[in-house]
Amino acid sequence: MTPQNAEEIALSALGWIAASDDLMGVFLGATGSSLEIVRAQASDPAFLGSVLDFMLMDDSWVSEFCDANSLDYRQPMIARQLLPGGDVPYWT
């Protein structure tokens, strides 16, 4: 996977979230964003990372998104690691 692929997955995740009025409301509430902010930042890789962070909070969201987009369940996490702020810390 490349950073460009990661951005495409995150944009798909944003579209999937936006297609659900309930889930979009949860996303906006959790992030403190507005629809205007989401639209303005939709091309920012750091913002796209936060979209994946949000989706990765719930396994059912991940599986529903992946099923809807014919993706392996690991793809959102792999994509997240390639976007800004997605490096996995080592606590040893």
N, C-alpha and C. Protein backbone atom coordinates (compact mmCIF):
# COMPACT_ATOMS: atom_id res chain seq x y z
N MET A 1 0.84 -1.18 0.00
CA MET A 1 0.00 0.00 0.00
C MET A 1 0.89 1.24 0.00
N THR A 2 0.45 2.25 -0.72
CA THR A 2 1.16 3.52 -0.78
C THR A 2 0.39 4.58 0.00
N PRO A 3 1.03 5.70 0.32
CA PRO A 3 0.29 6.78 0.97
C PRO A 3 -0.93 7.23 0.16
N GLN A 4 -0.81 7.20 -1.17
CA GLN A 4 -1.96 7.58 -2.00
C GLN A 4 -3.10 6.58 -1.82
N ASN A 5 -2.79 5.28 -1.78
CA ASN A 5 -3.83 4.28 -1.52
C ASN A 5 -4.46 4.50 -0.15
N ALA A 6 -3.63 4.86 0.83
CA ALA A 6 -4.13 5.11 2.18
C ALA A 6 -5.11 6.29 2.17
N GLU A 7 -4.78 7.34 1.44
CA GLU A 7 -5.68 8.49 1.34
C GLU A 7 -6.99 8.09 0.66
N GLU A 8 -6.91 7.25 -0.36
CA GLU A 8 -8.13 6.80 -1.05
C GLU A 8 -9.02 6.00 -0.11
N ILE A 9 -8.43 5.14 0.70
CA ILE A 9 -9.22 4.36 1.67
C ILE A 9 -9.86 5.30 2.68
N ALA A 10 -9.09 6.28 3.15
CA ALA A 10 -9.63 7.23 4.13
C ALA A 10 -10.76 8.07 3.53
N LEU A 11 -10.61 8.48 2.28
CA LEU A 11 -11.70 9.22 1.62
C LEU A 11 -12.94 8.35 1.47
N SER A 12 -12.74 7.08 1.15
CA SER A 12 -13.88 6.16 1.08
C SER A 12 -14.53 6.01 2.44
N ALA A 13 -13.71 5.96 3.49
CA ALA A 13 -14.25 5.86 4.85
C ALA A 13 -15.06 7.11 5.18
N LEU A 14 -14.55 8.27 4.80
CA LEU A 14 -15.29 9.51 5.04
C LEU A 14 -16.63 9.50 4.32
N GLY A 15 -16.63 9.05 3.09
CA GLY A 15 -17.89 8.93 2.34
C GLY A 15 -18.84 7.95 2.98
N TRP A 16 -18.31 6.85 3.48
CA TRP A 16 -19.13 5.83 4.14
C TRP A 16 -19.73 6.41 5.42
N ILE A 17 -18.93 7.14 6.19
CA ILE A 17 -19.43 7.78 7.41
C ILE A 17 -20.50 8.81 7.07
N ALA A 18 -20.23 9.63 6.05
CA ALA A 18 -21.16 10.69 5.66
C ALA A 18 -22.49 10.13 5.16
N ALA A 19 -22.47 8.92 4.62
CA ALA A 19 -23.70 8.32 4.09
C ALA A 19 -24.65 7.89 5.22
N SER A 20 -24.14 7.84 6.43
CA SER A 20 -24.97 7.48 7.58
C SER A 20 -25.20 8.73 8.43
N ASP A 21 -26.44 9.22 8.44
CA ASP A 21 -26.74 10.42 9.23
C ASP A 21 -26.36 10.23 10.70
N ASP A 22 -26.68 9.06 11.25
CA ASP A 22 -26.36 8.81 12.65
C ASP A 22 -24.86 8.82 12.90
N LEU A 23 -24.13 8.10 12.07
CA LEU A 23 -22.69 7.99 12.26
C LEU A 23 -22.00 9.32 11.99
N MET A 24 -22.48 10.07 11.00
CA MET A 24 -21.88 11.37 10.72
C MET A 24 -22.06 12.30 11.91
N GLY A 25 -23.22 12.22 12.55
CA GLY A 25 -23.45 13.02 13.75
C GLY A 25 -22.49 12.65 14.87
N VAL A 26 -22.24 11.37 15.04
CA VAL A 26 -21.29 10.91 16.05
C VAL A 26 -19.89 11.42 15.70
N PHE A 27 -19.51 11.33 14.42
CA PHE A 27 -18.19 11.80 13.98
C PHE A 27 -18.04 13.29 14.25
N LEU A 28 -19.03 14.08 13.87
CA LEU A 28 -18.96 15.52 14.09
C LEU A 28 -18.88 15.84 15.58
N GLY A 29 -19.65 15.14 16.39
CA GLY A 29 -19.62 15.36 17.82
C GLY A 29 -18.29 14.97 18.44
N ALA A 30 -17.74 13.85 18.00
CA ALA A 30 -16.48 13.36 18.57
C ALA A 30 -15.30 14.23 18.18
N THR A 31 -15.35 14.79 16.99
CA THR A 31 -14.22 15.59 16.50
C THR A 31 -14.39 17.08 16.73
N GLY A 32 -15.61 17.50 17.04
CA GLY A 32 -15.86 18.92 17.19
C GLY A 32 -15.86 19.66 15.86
N SER A 33 -15.99 18.91 14.78
CA SER A 33 -15.98 19.48 13.44
C SER A 33 -17.39 19.89 13.02
N SER A 34 -17.44 20.58 11.93
CA SER A 34 -18.70 20.91 11.27
C SER A 34 -18.61 20.37 9.85
N LEU A 35 -19.73 20.36 9.16
CA LEU A 35 -19.70 19.91 7.77
C LEU A 35 -18.77 20.77 6.92
N GLU A 36 -18.73 22.07 7.22
CA GLU A 36 -17.86 22.97 6.47
C GLU A 36 -16.39 22.62 6.68
N ILE A 37 -16.03 22.32 7.93
CA ILE A 37 -14.65 21.94 8.23
C ILE A 37 -14.30 20.63 7.54
N VAL A 38 -15.22 19.67 7.59
CA VAL A 38 -14.98 18.37 6.94
C VAL A 38 -14.73 18.58 5.45
N ARG A 39 -15.56 19.37 4.82
CA ARG A 39 -15.39 19.62 3.38
C ARG A 39 -14.05 20.29 3.09
N ALA A 40 -13.68 21.27 3.93
CA ALA A 40 -12.45 22.02 3.71
C ALA A 40 -11.20 21.16 3.93
N GLN A 41 -11.29 20.19 4.83
CA GLN A 41 -10.10 19.40 5.17
C GLN A 41 -10.08 18.01 4.54
N ALA A 42 -11.04 17.69 3.72
CA ALA A 42 -11.15 16.34 3.16
C ALA A 42 -9.94 15.93 2.33
N SER A 43 -9.14 16.87 1.88
CA SER A 43 -7.95 16.50 1.10
C SER A 43 -6.67 16.54 1.93
N ASP A 44 -6.78 16.86 3.21
CA ASP A 44 -5.62 16.93 4.10
C ASP A 44 -5.31 15.54 4.66
N PRO A 45 -4.12 15.01 4.37
CA PRO A 45 -3.79 13.66 4.85
C PRO A 45 -3.89 13.51 6.37
N ALA A 46 -3.56 14.54 7.12
CA ALA A 46 -3.67 14.46 8.59
C ALA A 46 -5.13 14.32 9.01
N PHE A 47 -6.01 15.07 8.36
CA PHE A 47 -7.44 14.96 8.67
C PHE A 47 -7.95 13.57 8.28
N LEU A 48 -7.51 13.07 7.14
CA LEU A 48 -7.93 11.73 6.71
C LEU A 48 -7.48 10.68 7.72
N GLY A 49 -6.32 10.90 8.32
CA GLY A 49 -5.88 10.00 9.38
C GLY A 49 -6.84 10.02 10.55
N SER A 50 -7.36 11.20 10.89
CA SER A 50 -8.32 11.28 11.99
C SER A 50 -9.64 10.59 11.64
N VAL A 51 -9.99 10.59 10.37
CA VAL A 51 -11.18 9.86 9.93
C VAL A 51 -11.00 8.36 10.21
N LEU A 52 -9.83 7.85 9.85
CA LEU A 52 -9.57 6.43 10.11
C LEU A 52 -9.46 6.15 11.60
N ASP A 53 -8.86 7.08 12.36
CA ASP A 53 -8.82 6.91 13.82
C ASP A 53 -10.22 6.73 14.37
N PHE A 54 -11.14 7.56 13.91
CA PHE A 54 -12.52 7.48 14.37
C PHE A 54 -13.14 6.13 14.01
N MET A 55 -13.01 5.75 12.76
CA MET A 55 -13.63 4.50 12.33
C MET A 55 -13.03 3.30 13.06
N LEU A 56 -11.73 3.35 13.33
CA LEU A 56 -11.06 2.23 13.98
C LEU A 56 -11.44 2.07 15.44
N MET A 57 -12.21 3.00 15.98
CA MET A 57 -12.66 2.88 17.37
C MET A 57 -13.67 1.76 17.57
N ASP A 58 -14.31 1.32 16.49
CA ASP A 58 -15.38 0.34 16.63
C ASP A 58 -15.21 -0.76 15.58
N ASP A 59 -15.02 -1.98 16.05
CA ASP A 59 -14.81 -3.10 15.12
C ASP A 59 -15.97 -3.29 14.16
N SER A 60 -17.19 -3.02 14.62
CA SER A 60 -18.34 -3.21 13.73
C SER A 60 -18.32 -2.18 12.60
N TRP A 61 -17.85 -0.97 12.88
CA TRP A 61 -17.73 0.04 11.82
C TRP A 61 -16.70 -0.42 10.79
N VAL A 62 -15.59 -0.95 11.28
CA VAL A 62 -14.53 -1.41 10.37
C VAL A 62 -15.05 -2.53 9.49
N SER A 63 -15.70 -3.50 10.09
CA SER A 63 -16.18 -4.63 9.29
C SER A 63 -17.27 -4.20 8.31
N GLU A 64 -18.17 -3.33 8.73
CA GLU A 64 -19.22 -2.85 7.82
C GLU A 64 -18.61 -2.05 6.67
N PHE A 65 -17.66 -1.18 6.97
CA PHE A 65 -17.00 -0.40 5.92
C PHE A 65 -16.26 -1.32 4.95
N CYS A 66 -15.50 -2.25 5.49
CA CYS A 66 -14.72 -3.16 4.64
C CYS A 66 -15.63 -4.04 3.80
N ASP A 67 -16.69 -4.54 4.39
CA ASP A 67 -17.64 -5.36 3.62
C ASP A 67 -18.26 -4.55 2.49
N ALA A 68 -18.61 -3.30 2.77
CA ALA A 68 -19.23 -2.45 1.75
C ALA A 68 -18.27 -2.08 0.63
N ASN A 69 -16.96 -2.12 0.93
CA ASN A 69 -15.96 -1.70 -0.05
C ASN A 69 -15.05 -2.83 -0.51
N SER A 70 -15.43 -4.07 -0.19
CA SER A 70 -14.65 -5.25 -0.58
C SER A 70 -13.19 -5.14 -0.19
N LEU A 71 -12.94 -4.75 1.06
CA LEU A 71 -11.58 -4.62 1.58
C LEU A 71 -11.33 -5.66 2.65
N ASP A 72 -10.10 -6.07 2.76
CA ASP A 72 -9.68 -6.91 3.87
C ASP A 72 -9.80 -6.08 5.15
N TYR A 73 -10.19 -6.70 6.25
CA TYR A 73 -10.42 -5.99 7.50
C TYR A 73 -9.17 -5.30 8.04
N ARG A 74 -8.01 -5.68 7.58
CA ARG A 74 -6.76 -5.06 8.04
C ARG A 74 -6.42 -3.78 7.29
N GLN A 75 -7.05 -3.56 6.15
CA GLN A 75 -6.68 -2.43 5.29
C GLN A 75 -6.82 -1.06 5.96
N PRO A 76 -7.91 -0.77 6.70
CA PRO A 76 -7.97 0.56 7.33
C PRO A 76 -6.83 0.81 8.31
N MET A 77 -6.42 -0.20 9.08
CA MET A 77 -5.31 -0.01 10.01
C MET A 77 -3.99 0.18 9.27
N ILE A 78 -3.79 -0.56 8.22
CA ILE A 78 -2.58 -0.39 7.42
C ILE A 78 -2.56 1.01 6.80
N ALA A 79 -3.71 1.43 6.28
CA ALA A 79 -3.82 2.76 5.70
C ALA A 79 -3.52 3.82 6.75
N ARG A 80 -4.04 3.63 7.96
CA ARG A 80 -3.83 4.61 9.02
C ARG A 80 -2.35 4.78 9.33
N GLN A 81 -1.61 3.71 9.27
CA GLN A 81 -0.19 3.78 9.58
C GLN A 81 0.60 4.58 8.55
N LEU A 82 0.06 4.73 7.36
CA LEU A 82 0.75 5.46 6.30
C LEU A 82 0.39 6.94 6.23
N LEU A 83 -0.57 7.36 7.04
CA LEU A 83 -0.97 8.76 7.06
C LEU A 83 -0.31 9.47 8.25
N PRO A 84 -0.20 10.80 8.20
CA PRO A 84 0.45 11.53 9.29
C PRO A 84 -0.14 11.17 10.66
N GLY A 85 0.75 10.92 11.61
CA GLY A 85 0.34 10.58 12.96
C GLY A 85 -0.01 9.13 13.16
N GLY A 86 0.16 8.32 12.14
CA GLY A 86 -0.26 6.93 12.22
C GLY A 86 0.82 5.94 12.60
N ASP A 87 2.01 6.45 12.86
CA ASP A 87 3.06 5.51 13.25
C ASP A 87 2.73 4.90 14.60
N VAL A 88 2.96 3.63 14.70
CA VAL A 88 2.62 2.89 15.90
C VAL A 88 3.76 3.03 16.91
N PRO A 89 3.47 3.58 18.10
CA PRO A 89 4.54 3.74 19.09
C PRO A 89 4.94 2.40 19.70
N TYR A 90 6.17 2.31 20.07
CA TYR A 90 6.68 1.13 20.76
C TYR A 90 6.95 1.53 22.21
N TRP A 91 6.25 0.89 23.13
CA TRP A 91 6.31 1.27 24.54
C TRP A 91 7.22 0.36 25.33
N THR A 92 8.31 -0.07 24.76
CA THR A 92 9.23 -0.95 25.51
C THR A 92 10.47 -0.22 25.93
